[in-house]
PDB file of N, CA and C in Angstrom:
ATOM      1  N   UNK A   1     -29.145 -39.405  32.400  1.00  0.00           N
ATOM      2  CA  UNK A   1     -27.809 -39.864  32.043  1.00  0.00           C
ATOM      3  C   UNK A   1     -26.785 -39.056  32.829  1.00  0.00           C
ATOM      4  N   UNK A   2     -26.069 -39.725  33.724  1.00  0.00           N
ATOM      5  CA  UNK A   2     -25.080 -39.060  34.559  1.00  0.00           C
ATOM      6  C   UNK A   2     -23.658 -39.424  34.179  1.00  0.00           C
ATOM      7  N   UNK A   3     -23.488 -40.092  33.052  1.00  0.00           N
ATOM      8  CA  UNK A   3     -22.146 -40.462  32.615  1.00  0.00           C
ATOM      9  C   UNK A   3     -21.356 -39.213  32.281  1.00  0.00           C
ATOM     10  N   UNK A   4     -20.063 -39.261  32.531  1.00  0.00           N
ATOM     11  CA  UNK A   4     -19.202 -38.146  32.146  1.00  0.00           C
ATOM     12  C   UNK A   4     -19.128 -38.080  30.620  1.00  0.00           C
ATOM     13  N   UNK A   5     -18.721 -36.942  30.118  1.00  0.00           N
ATOM     14  CA  UNK A   5     -18.589 -36.789  28.668  1.00  0.00           C
ATOM     15  C   UNK A   5     -17.591 -37.803  28.116  1.00  0.00           C
ATOM     16  N   UNK A   6     -16.547 -38.100  28.878  1.00  0.00           N
ATOM     17  CA  UNK A   6     -15.567 -39.097  28.430  1.00  0.00           C
ATOM     18  C   UNK A   6     -16.213 -40.477  28.328  1.00  0.00           C
ATOM     19  N   UNK A   7     -17.062 -40.825  29.300  1.00  0.00           N
ATOM     20  CA  UNK A   7     -17.749 -42.116  29.250  1.00  0.00           C
ATOM     21  C   UNK A   7     -18.734 -42.158  28.086  1.00  0.00           C
ATOM     22  N   UNK A   8     -19.440 -41.058  27.855  1.00  0.00           N
ATOM     23  CA  UNK A   8     -20.357 -40.980  26.727  1.00  0.00           C
ATOM     24  C   UNK A   8     -19.595 -41.131  25.409  1.00  0.00           C
ATOM     25  N   UNK A   9     -18.445 -40.452  25.320  1.00  0.00           N
ATOM     26  CA  UNK A   9     -17.621 -40.569  24.115  1.00  0.00           C
ATOM     27  C   UNK A   9     -17.179 -42.012  23.904  1.00  0.00           C
ATOM     28  N   UNK A  10     -16.664 -42.641  24.945  1.00  0.00           N
ATOM     29  CA  UNK A  10     -16.175 -44.016  24.820  1.00  0.00           C
ATOM     30  C   UNK A  10     -17.281 -44.955  24.354  1.00  0.00           C
ATOM     31  N   UNK A  11     -18.498 -44.758  24.857  1.00  0.00           N
ATOM     32  CA  UNK A  11     -19.616 -45.592  24.424  1.00  0.00           C
ATOM     33  C   UNK A  11     -19.941 -45.318  22.954  1.00  0.00           C
ATOM     34  N   UNK A  12     -20.014 -44.034  22.575  1.00  0.00           N
ATOM     35  CA  UNK A  12     -20.306 -43.688  21.184  1.00  0.00           C
ATOM     36  C   UNK A  12     -19.242 -44.257  20.253  1.00  0.00           C
ATOM     37  N   UNK A  13     -17.983 -44.093  20.621  1.00  0.00           N
ATOM     38  CA  UNK A  13     -16.882 -44.573  19.788  1.00  0.00           C
ATOM     39  C   UNK A  13     -16.940 -46.088  19.623  1.00  0.00           C
ATOM     40  N   UNK A  14     -17.277 -46.801  20.678  1.00  0.00           N
ATOM     41  CA  UNK A  14     -17.353 -48.264  20.560  1.00  0.00           C
ATOM     42  C   UNK A  14     -18.544 -48.696  19.708  1.00  0.00           C
ATOM     43  N   UNK A  15     -19.617 -47.898  19.709  1.00  0.00           N
ATOM     44  CA  UNK A  15     -20.800 -48.225  18.912  1.00  0.00           C
ATOM     45  C   UNK A  15     -20.679 -47.770  17.454  1.00  0.00           C
ATOM     46  N   UNK A  16     -19.779 -46.811  17.199  1.00  0.00           N
ATOM     47  CA  UNK A  16     -19.632 -46.241  15.855  1.00  0.00           C
ATOM     48  C   UNK A  16     -18.147 -46.141  15.469  1.00  0.00           C
ATOM     49  N   UNK A  17     -17.452 -47.274  15.350  1.00  0.00           N
ATOM     50  CA  UNK A  17     -16.017 -47.224  15.029  1.00  0.00           C
ATOM     51  C   UNK A  17     -15.735 -46.571  13.680  1.00  0.00           C
ATOM     52  N   UNK A  18     -16.726 -46.557  12.791  1.00  0.00           N
ATOM     53  CA  UNK A  18     -16.547 -45.941  11.482  1.00  0.00           C
ATOM     54  C   UNK A  18     -16.269 -44.447  11.575  1.00  0.00           C
ATOM     55  N   UNK A  19     -16.759 -43.794  12.627  1.00  0.00           N
ATOM     56  CA  UNK A  19     -16.518 -42.354  12.780  1.00  0.00           C
ATOM     57  C   UNK A  19     -15.015 -42.101  12.922  1.00  0.00           C
ATOM     58  N   UNK A  20     -14.364 -42.853  13.792  1.00  0.00           N
ATOM     59  CA  UNK A  20     -12.915 -42.718  13.963  1.00  0.00           C
ATOM     60  C   UNK A  20     -12.193 -42.940  12.640  1.00  0.00           C
ATOM     61  N   UNK A  21     -12.532 -44.013  11.955  1.00  0.00           N
ATOM     62  CA  UNK A  21     -11.827 -44.359  10.718  1.00  0.00           C
ATOM     63  C   UNK A  21     -12.039 -43.310   9.627  1.00  0.00           C
ATOM     64  N   UNK A  22     -13.235 -42.767   9.555  1.00  0.00           N
ATOM     65  CA  UNK A  22     -13.490 -41.743   8.536  1.00  0.00           C
ATOM     66  C   UNK A  22     -12.775 -40.441   8.866  1.00  0.00           C
ATOM     67  N   UNK A  23     -12.773 -40.043  10.138  1.00  0.00           N
ATOM     68  CA  UNK A  23     -12.047 -38.831  10.531  1.00  0.00           C
ATOM     69  C   UNK A  23     -10.547 -39.012  10.303  1.00  0.00           C
ATOM     70  N   UNK A  24     -10.050 -40.185  10.658  1.00  0.00           N
ATOM     71  CA  UNK A  24      -8.634 -40.480  10.463  1.00  0.00           C
ATOM     72  C   UNK A  24      -8.264 -40.420   8.981  1.00  0.00           C
ATOM     73  N   UNK A  25      -9.100 -41.002   8.140  1.00  0.00           N
ATOM     74  CA  UNK A  25      -8.816 -40.996   6.706  1.00  0.00           C
ATOM     75  C   UNK A  25      -8.815 -39.573   6.149  1.00  0.00           C
ATOM     76  N   UNK A  26      -9.768 -38.754   6.578  1.00  0.00           N
ATOM     77  CA  UNK A  26      -9.785 -37.359   6.119  1.00  0.00           C
ATOM     78  C   UNK A  26      -8.511 -36.633   6.544  1.00  0.00           C
ATOM     79  N   UNK A  27      -8.089 -36.865   7.772  1.00  0.00           N
ATOM     80  CA  UNK A  27      -6.867 -36.214   8.269  1.00  0.00           C
ATOM     81  C   UNK A  27      -5.646 -36.666   7.466  1.00  0.00           C
ATOM     82  N   UNK A  28      -5.552 -37.959   7.190  1.00  0.00           N
ATOM     83  CA  UNK A  28      -4.427 -38.454   6.387  1.00  0.00           C
ATOM     84  C   UNK A  28      -4.449 -37.863   4.976  1.00  0.00           C
ATOM     85  N   UNK A  29      -5.620 -37.737   4.407  1.00  0.00           N
ATOM     86  CA  UNK A  29      -5.711 -37.142   3.064  1.00  0.00           C
ATOM     87  C   UNK A  29      -5.213 -35.701   3.080  1.00  0.00           C
ATOM     88  N   UNK A  30      -5.596 -34.957   4.093  1.00  0.00           N
ATOM     89  CA  UNK A  30      -5.141 -33.565   4.201  1.00  0.00           C
ATOM     90  C   UNK A  30      -3.629 -33.501   4.414  1.00  0.00           C
ATOM     91  N   UNK A  31      -3.126 -34.389   5.250  1.00  0.00           N
ATOM     92  CA  UNK A  31      -1.677 -34.425   5.511  1.00  0.00           C
ATOM     93  C   UNK A  31      -0.921 -34.728   4.214  1.00  0.00           C
ATOM     94  N   UNK A  32      -1.418 -35.687   3.448  1.00  0.00           N
ATOM     95  CA  UNK A  32      -0.765 -36.018   2.175  1.00  0.00           C
ATOM     96  C   UNK A  32      -0.805 -34.843   1.202  1.00  0.00           C
ATOM     97  N   UNK A  33      -1.802 -33.982   1.336  1.00  0.00           N
ATOM     98  CA  UNK A  33      -1.912 -32.799   0.468  1.00  0.00           C
ATOM     99  C   UNK A  33      -1.052 -31.642   0.969  1.00  0.00           C
ATOM    100  N   UNK A  34      -0.318 -31.855   2.048  1.00  0.00           N
ATOM    101  CA  UNK A  34       0.614 -30.847   2.524  1.00  0.00           C
ATOM    102  C   UNK A  34       0.177 -30.046   3.733  1.00  0.00           C
ATOM    103  N   UNK A  35      -0.990 -30.320   4.275  1.00  0.00           N
ATOM    104  CA  UNK A  35      -1.437 -29.598   5.471  1.00  0.00           C
ATOM    105  C   UNK A  35      -0.670 -30.094   6.690  1.00  0.00           C
ATOM    106  N   UNK A  36      -0.148 -29.152   7.450  1.00  0.00           N
ATOM    107  CA  UNK A  36       0.557 -29.502   8.684  1.00  0.00           C
ATOM    108  C   UNK A  36      -0.404 -29.534   9.870  1.00  0.00           C
ATOM    109  N   UNK A  37      -1.460 -28.740   9.800  1.00  0.00           N
ATOM    110  CA  UNK A  37      -2.494 -28.670  10.844  1.00  0.00           C
ATOM    111  C   UNK A  37      -3.847 -28.520  10.163  1.00  0.00           C
ATOM    112  N   UNK A  38      -4.885 -28.949  10.890  1.00  0.00           N
ATOM    113  CA  UNK A  38      -6.234 -28.760  10.384  1.00  0.00           C
ATOM    114  C   UNK A  38      -7.188 -28.832  11.559  1.00  0.00           C
ATOM    115  N   UNK A  39      -8.372 -28.293  11.390  1.00  0.00           N
ATOM    116  CA  UNK A  39      -9.341 -28.254  12.474  1.00  0.00           C
ATOM    117  C   UNK A  39     -10.252 -29.472  12.492  1.00  0.00           C
ATOM    118  N   UNK A  40     -10.360 -30.090  13.643  1.00  0.00           N
ATOM    119  CA  UNK A  40     -11.247 -31.245  13.790  1.00  0.00           C
ATOM    120  C   UNK A  40     -12.696 -30.833  13.564  1.00  0.00           C
ATOM    121  N   UNK A  41     -13.054 -29.585  13.882  1.00  0.00           N
ATOM    122  CA  UNK A  41     -14.441 -29.133  13.693  1.00  0.00           C
ATOM    123  C   UNK A  41     -14.828 -29.202  12.222  1.00  0.00           C
ATOM    124  N   UNK A  42     -13.940 -28.820  11.336  1.00  0.00           N
ATOM    125  CA  UNK A  42     -14.234 -28.874   9.903  1.00  0.00           C
ATOM    126  C   UNK A  42     -14.432 -30.315   9.450  1.00  0.00           C
ATOM    127  N   UNK A  43     -13.632 -31.221   9.968  1.00  0.00           N
ATOM    128  CA  UNK A  43     -13.787 -32.627   9.603  1.00  0.00           C
ATOM    129  C   UNK A  43     -15.102 -33.185  10.136  1.00  0.00           C
ATOM    130  N   UNK A  44     -15.482 -32.776  11.334  1.00  0.00           N
ATOM    131  CA  UNK A  44     -16.744 -33.206  11.913  1.00  0.00           C
ATOM    132  C   UNK A  44     -17.918 -32.769  11.047  1.00  0.00           C
ATOM    133  N   UNK A  45     -17.903 -31.506  10.633  1.00  0.00           N
ATOM    134  CA  UNK A  45     -19.003 -30.986   9.813  1.00  0.00           C
ATOM    135  C   UNK A  45     -19.035 -31.668   8.445  1.00  0.00           C
ATOM    136  N   UNK A  46     -17.875 -31.962   7.894  1.00  0.00           N
ATOM    137  CA  UNK A  46     -17.807 -32.683   6.623  1.00  0.00           C
ATOM    138  C   UNK A  46     -18.388 -34.083   6.784  1.00  0.00           C
ATOM    139  N   UNK A  47     -18.040 -34.742   7.882  1.00  0.00           N
ATOM    140  CA  UNK A  47     -18.571 -36.078   8.141  1.00  0.00           C
ATOM    141  C   UNK A  47     -20.091 -36.038   8.318  1.00  0.00           C
ATOM    142  N   UNK A  48     -20.595 -35.046   9.024  1.00  0.00           N
ATOM    143  CA  UNK A  48     -22.053 -34.894   9.177  1.00  0.00           C
ATOM    144  C   UNK A  48     -22.725 -34.755   7.815  1.00  0.00           C
ATOM    145  N   UNK A  49     -22.154 -33.911   6.973  1.00  0.00           N
ATOM    146  CA  UNK A  49     -22.700 -33.656   5.650  1.00  0.00           C
ATOM    147  C   UNK A  49     -22.742 -34.943   4.828  1.00  0.00           C
ATOM    148  N   UNK A  50     -21.628 -35.645   4.770  1.00  0.00           N
ATOM    149  CA  UNK A  50     -21.561 -36.872   3.971  1.00  0.00           C
ATOM    150  C   UNK A  50     -22.479 -37.953   4.537  1.00  0.00           C
ATOM    151  N   UNK A  51     -22.562 -38.038   5.842  1.00  0.00           N
ATOM    152  CA  UNK A  51     -23.441 -39.036   6.447  1.00  0.00           C
ATOM    153  C   UNK A  51     -24.894 -38.767   6.051  1.00  0.00           C
ATOM    154  N   UNK A  52     -25.287 -37.503   6.056  1.00  0.00           N
ATOM    155  CA  UNK A  52     -26.665 -37.138   5.680  1.00  0.00           C
ATOM    156  C   UNK A  52     -26.944 -37.491   4.224  1.00  0.00           C
ATOM    157  N   UNK A  53     -25.958 -37.352   3.359  1.00  0.00           N
ATOM    158  CA  UNK A  53     -26.135 -37.669   1.951  1.00  0.00           C
ATOM    159  C   UNK A  53     -26.118 -39.174   1.679  1.00  0.00           C
ATOM    160  N   UNK A  54     -25.337 -39.909   2.457  1.00  0.00           N
ATOM    161  CA  UNK A  54     -25.095 -41.319   2.173  1.00  0.00           C
ATOM    162  C   UNK A  54     -26.040 -42.277   2.890  1.00  0.00           C
ATOM    163  N   UNK A  55     -26.765 -41.810   3.891  1.00  0.00           N
ATOM    164  CA  UNK A  55     -27.628 -42.709   4.659  1.00  0.00           C
ATOM    165  C   UNK A  55     -29.017 -42.101   4.833  1.00  0.00           C
ATOM    166  N   UNK A  56     -29.895 -42.912   5.333  1.00  0.00           N
ATOM    167  CA  UNK A  56     -31.232 -42.462   5.706  1.00  0.00           C
ATOM    168  C   UNK A  56     -31.426 -42.641   7.207  1.00  0.00           C
ATOM    169  N   UNK A  57     -30.376 -42.441   7.971  1.00  0.00           N
ATOM    170  CA  UNK A  57     -30.405 -42.658   9.418  1.00  0.00           C
ATOM    171  C   UNK A  57     -30.652 -41.328  10.135  1.00  0.00           C
ATOM    172  N   UNK A  58     -31.910 -41.017  10.455  1.00  0.00           N
ATOM    173  CA  UNK A  58     -32.214 -39.743  11.100  1.00  0.00           C
ATOM    174  C   UNK A  58     -31.790 -39.697  12.566  1.00  0.00           C
ATOM    175  N   UNK A  59     -31.472 -40.852  13.154  1.00  0.00           N
ATOM    176  CA  UNK A  59     -31.112 -40.894  14.571  1.00  0.00           C
ATOM    177  C   UNK A  59     -29.623 -40.715  14.827  1.00  0.00           C
ATOM    178  N   UNK A  60     -28.806 -40.806  13.777  1.00  0.00           N
ATOM    179  CA  UNK A  60     -27.355 -40.662  13.952  1.00  0.00           C
ATOM    180  C   UNK A  60     -27.025 -39.217  14.281  1.00  0.00           C
ATOM    181  N   UNK A  61     -26.300 -39.014  15.369  1.00  0.00           N
ATOM    182  CA  UNK A  61     -25.904 -37.677  15.793  1.00  0.00           C
ATOM    183  C   UNK A  61     -24.415 -37.676  16.125  1.00  0.00           C
ATOM    184  N   UNK A  62     -23.727 -36.643  15.685  1.00  0.00           N
ATOM    185  CA  UNK A  62     -22.331 -36.434  16.061  1.00  0.00           C
ATOM    186  C   UNK A  62     -22.307 -35.291  17.074  1.00  0.00           C
ATOM    187  N   UNK A  63     -22.063 -35.620  18.307  1.00  0.00           N
ATOM    188  CA  UNK A  63     -22.037 -34.629  19.370  1.00  0.00           C
ATOM    189  C   UNK A  63     -20.751 -33.805  19.263  1.00  0.00           C
ATOM    190  N   UNK A  64     -20.905 -32.489  19.130  1.00  0.00           N
ATOM    191  CA  UNK A  64     -19.714 -31.646  18.986  1.00  0.00           C
ATOM    192  C   UNK A  64     -18.810 -31.728  20.211  1.00  0.00           C
ATOM    193  N   UNK A  65     -19.327 -32.186  21.335  1.00  0.00           N
ATOM    194  CA  UNK A  65     -18.489 -32.345  22.531  1.00  0.00           C
ATOM    195  C   UNK A  65     -17.458 -33.457  22.362  1.00  0.00           C
ATOM    196  N   UNK A  66     -17.628 -34.295  21.359  1.00  0.00           N
ATOM    197  CA  UNK A  66     -16.692 -35.395  21.131  1.00  0.00           C
ATOM    198  C   UNK A  66     -15.512 -34.988  20.243  1.00  0.00           C
ATOM    199  N   UNK A  67     -15.561 -33.802  19.652  1.00  0.00           N
ATOM    200  CA  UNK A  67     -14.500 -33.411  18.710  1.00  0.00           C
ATOM    201  C   UNK A  67     -13.116 -33.493  19.334  1.00  0.00           C
ATOM    202  N   UNK A  68     -12.942 -32.920  20.521  1.00  0.00           N
ATOM    203  CA  UNK A  68     -11.607 -32.921  21.131  1.00  0.00           C
ATOM    204  C   UNK A  68     -11.159 -34.339  21.484  1.00  0.00           C
ATOM    205  N   UNK A  69     -12.102 -35.189  21.858  1.00  0.00           N
ATOM    206  CA  UNK A  69     -11.756 -36.580  22.158  1.00  0.00           C
ATOM    207  C   UNK A  69     -11.251 -37.284  20.900  1.00  0.00           C
ATOM    208  N   UNK A  70     -11.954 -37.060  19.785  1.00  0.00           N
ATOM    209  CA  UNK A  70     -11.493 -37.674  18.535  1.00  0.00           C
ATOM    210  C   UNK A  70     -10.144 -37.112  18.110  1.00  0.00           C
ATOM    211  N   UNK A  71      -9.947 -35.817  18.231  1.00  0.00           N
ATOM    212  CA  UNK A  71      -8.662 -35.222  17.853  1.00  0.00           C
ATOM    213  C   UNK A  71      -7.535 -35.848  18.656  1.00  0.00           C
ATOM    214  N   UNK A  72      -7.719 -35.949  19.957  1.00  0.00           N
ATOM    215  CA  UNK A  72      -6.674 -36.528  20.812  1.00  0.00           C
ATOM    216  C   UNK A  72      -6.473 -38.014  20.528  1.00  0.00           C
ATOM    217  N   UNK A  73      -7.569 -38.733  20.318  1.00  0.00           N
ATOM    218  CA  UNK A  73      -7.468 -40.166  20.038  1.00  0.00           C
ATOM    219  C   UNK A  73      -6.724 -40.419  18.730  1.00  0.00           C
ATOM    220  N   UNK A  74      -7.090 -39.690  17.702  1.00  0.00           N
ATOM    221  CA  UNK A  74      -6.423 -39.858  16.410  1.00  0.00           C
ATOM    222  C   UNK A  74      -4.938 -39.553  16.529  1.00  0.00           C
ATOM    223  N   UNK A  75      -4.599 -38.454  17.184  1.00  0.00           N
ATOM    224  CA  UNK A  75      -3.184 -38.078  17.298  1.00  0.00           C
ATOM    225  C   UNK A  75      -2.402 -39.061  18.153  1.00  0.00           C
ATOM    226  N   UNK A  76      -3.062 -39.689  19.145  1.00  0.00           N
ATOM    227  CA  UNK A  76      -2.341 -40.659  19.979  1.00  0.00           C
ATOM    228  C   UNK A  76      -2.198 -42.016  19.288  1.00  0.00           C
ATOM    229  N   UNK A  77      -3.159 -42.367  18.421  1.00  0.00           N
ATOM    230  CA  UNK A  77      -3.133 -43.667  17.752  1.00  0.00           C
ATOM    231  C   UNK A  77      -2.366 -43.656  16.435  1.00  0.00           C
ATOM    232  N   UNK A  78      -2.212 -42.481  15.857  1.00  0.00           N
ATOM    233  CA  UNK A  78      -1.576 -42.360  14.545  1.00  0.00           C
ATOM    234  C   UNK A  78      -0.356 -41.450  14.663  1.00  0.00           C
ATOM    235  N   UNK A  79       0.821 -42.009  14.876  1.00  0.00           N
ATOM    236  CA  UNK A  79       2.020 -41.192  15.084  1.00  0.00           C
ATOM    237  C   UNK A  79       2.260 -40.152  13.987  1.00  0.00           C
ATOM    238  N   UNK A  80       1.893 -40.470  12.764  1.00  0.00           N
ATOM    239  CA  UNK A  80       2.088 -39.521  11.660  1.00  0.00           C
ATOM    240  C   UNK A  80       1.202 -38.288  11.799  1.00  0.00           C
ATOM    241  N   UNK A  81       0.159 -38.395  12.614  1.00  0.00           N
ATOM    242  CA  UNK A  81      -0.766 -37.278  12.800  1.00  0.00           C
ATOM    243  C   UNK A  81      -0.584 -36.578  14.149  1.00  0.00           C
ATOM    244  N   UNK A  82       0.458 -36.937  14.879  1.00  0.00           N
ATOM    245  CA  UNK A  82       0.729 -36.267  16.153  1.00  0.00           C
ATOM    246  C   UNK A  82       0.891 -34.765  15.910  1.00  0.00           C
ATOM    247  N   UNK A  83       0.145 -33.971  16.648  1.00  0.00           N
ATOM    248  CA  UNK A  83       0.216 -32.526  16.510  1.00  0.00           C
ATOM    249  C   UNK A  83      -0.585 -31.950  15.355  1.00  0.00           C
ATOM    250  N   UNK A  84      -1.293 -32.788  14.619  1.00  0.00           N
ATOM    251  CA  UNK A  84      -2.042 -32.329  13.444  1.00  0.00           C
ATOM    252  C   UNK A  84      -3.208 -31.419  13.844  1.00  0.00           C
ATOM    253  N   UNK A  85      -3.863 -31.767  14.936  1.00  0.00           N
ATOM    254  CA  UNK A  85      -4.953 -30.944  15.448  1.00  0.00           C
ATOM    255  C   UNK A  85      -4.441 -30.128  16.626  1.00  0.00           C
ATOM    256  N   UNK A  86      -4.861 -28.904  16.706  1.00  0.00           N
ATOM    257  CA  UNK A  86      -4.510 -28.076  17.863  1.00  0.00           C
ATOM    258  C   UNK A  86      -5.590 -28.270  18.902  1.00  0.00           C
ATOM    259  N   UNK A  87      -5.159 -28.554  20.109  1.00  0.00           N
ATOM    260  CA  UNK A  87      -6.112 -28.784  21.182  1.00  0.00           C
ATOM    261  C   UNK A  87      -5.790 -27.891  22.364  1.00  0.00           C
ATOM    262  N   UNK A  88      -6.811 -27.627  23.135  1.00  0.00           N
ATOM    263  CA  UNK A  88      -6.635 -26.879  24.384  1.00  0.00           C
ATOM    264  C   UNK A  88      -6.493 -27.887  25.505  1.00  0.00           C
ATOM    265  N   UNK A  89      -6.112 -27.393  26.640  1.00  0.00           N
ATOM    266  CA  UNK A  89      -6.027 -28.256  27.807  1.00  0.00           C
ATOM    267  C   UNK A  89      -7.420 -28.791  28.122  1.00  0.00           C
ATOM    268  N   UNK A  90      -7.512 -30.065  28.348  1.00  0.00           N
ATOM    269  CA  UNK A  90      -8.792 -30.716  28.609  1.00  0.00           C
ATOM    270  C   UNK A  90      -9.232 -30.494  30.048  1.00  0.00           C
ATOM    271  N   UNK A  91     -10.523 -30.144  30.209  1.00  0.00           N
ATOM    272  CA  UNK A  91     -11.090 -30.014  31.554  1.00  0.00           C
ATOM    273  C   UNK A  91     -11.631 -31.329  32.060  1.00  0.00           C
ATOM    274  N   UNK A  92     -11.887 -32.240  31.140  1.00  0.00           N
ATOM    275  CA  UNK A  92     -12.417 -33.558  31.519  1.00  0.00           C
ATOM    276  C   UNK A  92     -11.340 -34.602  31.431  1.00  0.00           C
ATOM    277  N   UNK A  93     -11.709 -35.788  31.824  1.00  0.00           N
ATOM    278  CA  UNK A  93     -10.770 -36.899  31.695  1.00  0.00           C
ATOM    279  C   UNK A  93     -10.678 -37.295  30.243  1.00  0.00           C
ATOM    280  N   UNK A  94      -9.498 -37.679  29.810  1.00  0.00           N
ATOM    281  CA  UNK A  94      -9.319 -38.055  28.406  1.00  0.00           C
ATOM    282  C   UNK A  94      -9.953 -39.406  28.144  1.00  0.00           C
ATOM    283  N   UNK A  95     -10.182 -39.650  26.864  1.00  0.00           N
ATOM    284  CA  UNK A  95     -10.833 -40.900  26.449  1.00  0.00           C
ATOM    285  C   UNK A  95      -9.925 -42.078  26.617  1.00  0.00           C
TER     286      UNK A  95
END
């Protein structure tokens, strides 16, 4: 597999749109509770945990390399969440 991480992310995101929606919902819940910022890594681990409890899908994997892509995507698609995640300058192409 020679696809860039951005291409891999885009393929994963198109195959698993529920990941975006669940991360977005968690972020909105935190924002409503008064959080101004939160870490995408914590949301990723929470999603992994819940997925393991709710399904019997041993092949589902959340690649930690996708965290920054999801953080940027959520903040760009949801104006209310702009700036919610702190990100570093990206070395790869954005999603």
